[in-house]
């Protein structure tokens, strides 16, 4: 049984820098998530389209499948690898790993991908009693 190869985030970053145009990247996340942030040069496609469309099977260059955390990419890659001799790769850890491991800055205004939401403390920390404020002096420039 053929399976897709896993590709590490750092390896994909090196390929983007050193070997552009020698592979294709398909991002199978929803279009709204793709619009928020994506790997430069990647294209967005629905999972059903990637599985059913023969254009994804017939290519001379490797096809790298990307998702949020790598789980769907590996599943889609497994299906494609059974149907084609084309090299299929799945981004190990997904975009979370790519942005975290490759030290690539996120585009401004993009949500930061995280594996788990930040946890807030259950009870607020006690605040020290505030000292009475002294009147503030204005600087000479005011």
C-alpha atoms as a PDB file:
ATOM      1  CA  UNK A   1       0.000   0.000   0.000  1.00  0.00           C
ATOM      2  CA  UNK A   2       1.384   3.396  -1.011  1.00  0.00           C
ATOM      3  CA  UNK A   3       1.329   6.223   1.507  1.00  0.00           C
ATOM      4  CA  UNK A   4       2.212   9.881   1.099  1.00  0.00           C
ATOM      5  CA  UNK A   5       5.595  11.045   2.303  1.00  0.00           C
ATOM      6  CA  UNK A   6       5.646  13.424   5.233  1.00  0.00           C
ATOM      7  CA  UNK A   7       7.483  16.682   4.765  1.00  0.00           C
ATOM      8  CA  UNK A   8       8.679  18.723   7.740  1.00  0.00           C
ATOM      9  CA  UNK A   9       7.927  22.432   7.937  1.00  0.00           C
ATOM     10  CA  UNK A  10      11.617  23.361   7.793  1.00  0.00           C
ATOM     11  CA  UNK A  11      12.105  21.199   4.687  1.00  0.00           C
ATOM     12  CA  UNK A  12       9.147  22.828   2.953  1.00  0.00           C
ATOM     13  CA  UNK A  13      10.501  26.269   3.777  1.00  0.00           C
ATOM     14  CA  UNK A  14      13.881  25.309   2.281  1.00  0.00           C
ATOM     15  CA  UNK A  15      12.171  23.973  -0.843  1.00  0.00           C
ATOM     16  CA  UNK A  16      10.235  27.237  -1.202  1.00  0.00           C
ATOM     17  CA  UNK A  17      13.465  29.218  -1.010  1.00  0.00           C
ATOM     18  CA  UNK A  18      15.799  26.931  -2.986  1.00  0.00           C
ATOM     19  CA  UNK A  19      13.552  25.069  -5.440  1.00  0.00           C
ATOM     20  CA  UNK A  20      10.545  27.251  -6.289  1.00  0.00           C
ATOM     21  CA  UNK A  21       8.345  25.872  -9.044  1.00  0.00           C
ATOM     22  CA  UNK A  22       9.503  22.285  -8.560  1.00  0.00           C
ATOM     23  CA  UNK A  23       6.396  21.262  -6.599  1.00  0.00           C
ATOM     24  CA  UNK A  24       2.761  22.285  -6.073  1.00  0.00           C
ATOM     25  CA  UNK A  25       1.131  23.107  -2.730  1.00  0.00           C
ATOM     26  CA  UNK A  26      -2.599  22.529  -2.183  1.00  0.00           C
ATOM     27  CA  UNK A  27      -4.167  23.888   1.001  1.00  0.00           C
ATOM     28  CA  UNK A  28      -7.347  21.968   1.887  1.00  0.00           C
ATOM     29  CA  UNK A  29      -8.527  24.286   4.678  1.00  0.00           C
ATOM     30  CA  UNK A  30     -11.771  26.263   4.271  1.00  0.00           C
ATOM     31  CA  UNK A  31     -11.439  29.336   2.015  1.00  0.00           C
ATOM     32  CA  UNK A  32     -11.887  31.768   4.918  1.00  0.00           C
ATOM     33  CA  UNK A  33      -8.951  30.218   6.781  1.00  0.00           C
ATOM     34  CA  UNK A  34      -6.856  30.219   3.612  1.00  0.00           C
ATOM     35  CA  UNK A  35      -7.632  33.936   3.148  1.00  0.00           C
ATOM     36  CA  UNK A  36      -6.417  34.678   6.703  1.00  0.00           C
ATOM     37  CA  UNK A  37      -2.975  33.201   6.085  1.00  0.00           C
ATOM     38  CA  UNK A  38      -1.383  30.678   3.737  1.00  0.00           C
ATOM     39  CA  UNK A  39       1.936  29.472   2.429  1.00  0.00           C
ATOM     40  CA  UNK A  40       3.151  31.688  -0.424  1.00  0.00           C
ATOM     41  CA  UNK A  41       2.460  30.027  -3.770  1.00  0.00           C
ATOM     42  CA  UNK A  42      -0.138  27.612  -2.407  1.00  0.00           C
ATOM     43  CA  UNK A  43      -3.597  27.193  -3.897  1.00  0.00           C
ATOM     44  CA  UNK A  44      -6.792  26.532  -1.990  1.00  0.00           C
ATOM     45  CA  UNK A  45      -9.026  23.595  -2.921  1.00  0.00           C
ATOM     46  CA  UNK A  46     -11.887  21.668  -1.376  1.00  0.00           C
ATOM     47  CA  UNK A  47     -10.954  18.187  -0.146  1.00  0.00           C
ATOM     48  CA  UNK A  48     -13.608  16.540  -2.341  1.00  0.00           C
ATOM     49  CA  UNK A  49     -12.219  18.317  -5.407  1.00  0.00           C
ATOM     50  CA  UNK A  50      -8.651  17.256  -4.623  1.00  0.00           C
ATOM     51  CA  UNK A  51      -9.741  13.629  -4.291  1.00  0.00           C
ATOM     52  CA  UNK A  52     -11.993  13.569  -7.386  1.00  0.00           C
ATOM     53  CA  UNK A  53     -10.224  15.894  -9.839  1.00  0.00           C
ATOM     54  CA  UNK A  54      -7.751  14.021 -12.085  1.00  0.00           C
ATOM     55  CA  UNK A  55      -5.692  17.211 -12.475  1.00  0.00           C
ATOM     56  CA  UNK A  56      -4.256  16.569  -8.996  1.00  0.00           C
ATOM     57  CA  UNK A  57      -3.248  13.046 -10.019  1.00  0.00           C
ATOM     58  CA  UNK A  58      -1.509  14.024 -13.269  1.00  0.00           C
ATOM     59  CA  UNK A  59       1.497  16.121 -12.512  1.00  0.00           C
ATOM     60  CA  UNK A  60       5.205  15.802 -13.059  1.00  0.00           C
ATOM     61  CA  UNK A  61       6.167  17.609  -9.855  1.00  0.00           C
ATOM     62  CA  UNK A  62       5.403  16.488  -6.287  1.00  0.00           C
ATOM     63  CA  UNK A  63       2.087  17.576  -4.772  1.00  0.00           C
ATOM     64  CA  UNK A  64       2.308  18.870  -1.192  1.00  0.00           C
ATOM     65  CA  UNK A  65      -0.985  18.807   0.704  1.00  0.00           C
ATOM     66  CA  UNK A  66      -1.414  21.217   3.605  1.00  0.00           C
ATOM     67  CA  UNK A  67      -4.065  21.642   6.289  1.00  0.00           C
ATOM     68  CA  UNK A  68      -4.271  23.095   9.788  1.00  0.00           C
ATOM     69  CA  UNK A  69      -2.567  20.321  11.751  1.00  0.00           C
ATOM     70  CA  UNK A  70      -1.527  17.678   9.215  1.00  0.00           C
ATOM     71  CA  UNK A  71      -4.255  15.118   9.940  1.00  0.00           C
ATOM     72  CA  UNK A  72      -6.506  15.796   6.946  1.00  0.00           C
ATOM     73  CA  UNK A  73      -3.522  16.312   4.656  1.00  0.00           C
ATOM     74  CA  UNK A  74      -2.250  12.840   5.524  1.00  0.00           C
ATOM     75  CA  UNK A  75      -5.688  11.289   4.904  1.00  0.00           C
ATOM     76  CA  UNK A  76      -6.143  13.060   1.551  1.00  0.00           C
ATOM     77  CA  UNK A  77      -2.569  12.212   0.619  1.00  0.00           C
ATOM     78  CA  UNK A  78      -3.218   8.559   1.432  1.00  0.00           C
ATOM     79  CA  UNK A  79      -6.195   8.487  -0.931  1.00  0.00           C
ATOM     80  CA  UNK A  80      -4.263  10.194  -3.724  1.00  0.00           C
ATOM     81  CA  UNK A  81      -1.193   8.009  -3.278  1.00  0.00           C
ATOM     82  CA  UNK A  82      -3.371   4.955  -4.015  1.00  0.00           C
ATOM     83  CA  UNK A  83      -4.517   6.470  -7.323  1.00  0.00           C
ATOM     84  CA  UNK A  84      -1.324   7.877  -8.843  1.00  0.00           C
ATOM     85  CA  UNK A  85       2.393   7.433  -9.256  1.00  0.00           C
ATOM     86  CA  UNK A  86       2.834  11.190  -8.739  1.00  0.00           C
ATOM     87  CA  UNK A  87       4.850  11.931  -5.584  1.00  0.00           C
ATOM     88  CA  UNK A  88       2.407  13.010  -2.855  1.00  0.00           C
ATOM     89  CA  UNK A  89       3.603  14.705   0.330  1.00  0.00           C
ATOM     90  CA  UNK A  90       1.706  15.843   3.437  1.00  0.00           C
ATOM     91  CA  UNK A  91       2.983  18.699   5.589  1.00  0.00           C
ATOM     92  CA  UNK A  92       3.752  17.127   8.959  1.00  0.00           C
ATOM     93  CA  UNK A  93       2.065  19.173  11.684  1.00  0.00           C
ATOM     94  CA  UNK A  94       0.240  21.326   9.133  1.00  0.00           C
ATOM     95  CA  UNK A  95       0.325  25.093   9.037  1.00  0.00           C
ATOM     96  CA  UNK A  96       0.663  25.232  12.816  1.00  0.00           C
ATOM     97  CA  UNK A  97       4.060  23.582  12.516  1.00  0.00           C
ATOM     98  CA  UNK A  98       5.014  25.602   9.446  1.00  0.00           C
ATOM     99  CA  UNK A  99       4.450  28.948  11.142  1.00  0.00           C
ATOM    100  CA  UNK A 100       5.878  27.834  14.504  1.00  0.00           C
ATOM    101  CA  UNK A 101       8.955  25.929  13.283  1.00  0.00           C
ATOM    102  CA  UNK A 102       9.954  27.922  10.252  1.00  0.00           C
ATOM    103  CA  UNK A 103      10.159  31.251  12.093  1.00  0.00           C
ATOM    104  CA  UNK A 104       8.076  32.858   9.364  1.00  0.00           C
ATOM    105  CA  UNK A 105       6.274  35.978  10.565  1.00  0.00           C
ATOM    106  CA  UNK A 106       2.513  35.855  10.242  1.00  0.00           C
ATOM    107  CA  UNK A 107       0.957  38.478   8.013  1.00  0.00           C
ATOM    108  CA  UNK A 108      -0.252  41.432  10.079  1.00  0.00           C
ATOM    109  CA  UNK A 109      -3.775  41.013  11.385  1.00  0.00           C
ATOM    110  CA  UNK A 110      -3.692  37.225  10.966  1.00  0.00           C
ATOM    111  CA  UNK A 111      -4.826  35.022  13.802  1.00  0.00           C
ATOM    112  CA  UNK A 112      -1.956  33.173  15.406  1.00  0.00           C
ATOM    113  CA  UNK A 113      -2.369  29.442  14.825  1.00  0.00           C
ATOM    114  CA  UNK A 114      -2.081  27.540  18.080  1.00  0.00           C
ATOM    115  CA  UNK A 115      -2.566  23.946  19.081  1.00  0.00           C
ATOM    116  CA  UNK A 116      -4.630  24.858  22.126  1.00  0.00           C
ATOM    117  CA  UNK A 117      -6.327  28.003  23.344  1.00  0.00           C
ATOM    118  CA  UNK A 118      -4.605  30.034  26.008  1.00  0.00           C
ATOM    119  CA  UNK A 119      -5.783  29.128  29.507  1.00  0.00           C
ATOM    120  CA  UNK A 120      -6.863  31.892  31.840  1.00  0.00           C
ATOM    121  CA  UNK A 121      -6.344  31.543  35.583  1.00  0.00           C
ATOM    122  CA  UNK A 122      -9.464  30.309  37.400  1.00  0.00           C
ATOM    123  CA  UNK A 123      -9.391  33.112  39.960  1.00  0.00           C
ATOM    124  CA  UNK A 124      -8.009  36.585  39.478  1.00  0.00           C
ATOM    125  CA  UNK A 125      -4.755  37.319  41.248  1.00  0.00           C
ATOM    126  CA  UNK A 126      -5.114  39.658  44.212  1.00  0.00           C
ATOM    127  CA  UNK A 127      -4.159  43.216  43.463  1.00  0.00           C
ATOM    128  CA  UNK A 128      -2.101  45.233  45.913  1.00  0.00           C
ATOM    129  CA  UNK A 129      -3.855  48.100  47.645  1.00  0.00           C
ATOM    130  CA  UNK A 130      -3.329  51.269  45.684  1.00  0.00           C
ATOM    131  CA  UNK A 131      -1.513  54.089  47.397  1.00  0.00           C
ATOM    132  CA  UNK A 132      -3.269  57.439  47.310  1.00  0.00           C
ATOM    133  CA  UNK A 133      -2.267  59.251  44.154  1.00  0.00           C
ATOM    134  CA  UNK A 134      -0.330  62.459  44.393  1.00  0.00           C
ATOM    135  CA  UNK A 135      -1.285  65.203  41.979  1.00  0.00           C
ATOM    136  CA  UNK A 136       0.468  64.671  38.663  1.00  0.00           C
ATOM    137  CA  UNK A 137       2.812  67.354  37.473  1.00  0.00           C
ATOM    138  CA  UNK A 138       2.601  68.487  33.901  1.00  0.00           C
ATOM    139  CA  UNK A 139       5.709  68.709  31.855  1.00  0.00           C
ATOM    140  CA  UNK A 140       6.913  72.096  30.666  1.00  0.00           C
ATOM    141  CA  UNK A 141       5.977  71.145  27.112  1.00  0.00           C
ATOM    142  CA  UNK A 142       2.212  71.018  27.797  1.00  0.00           C
END
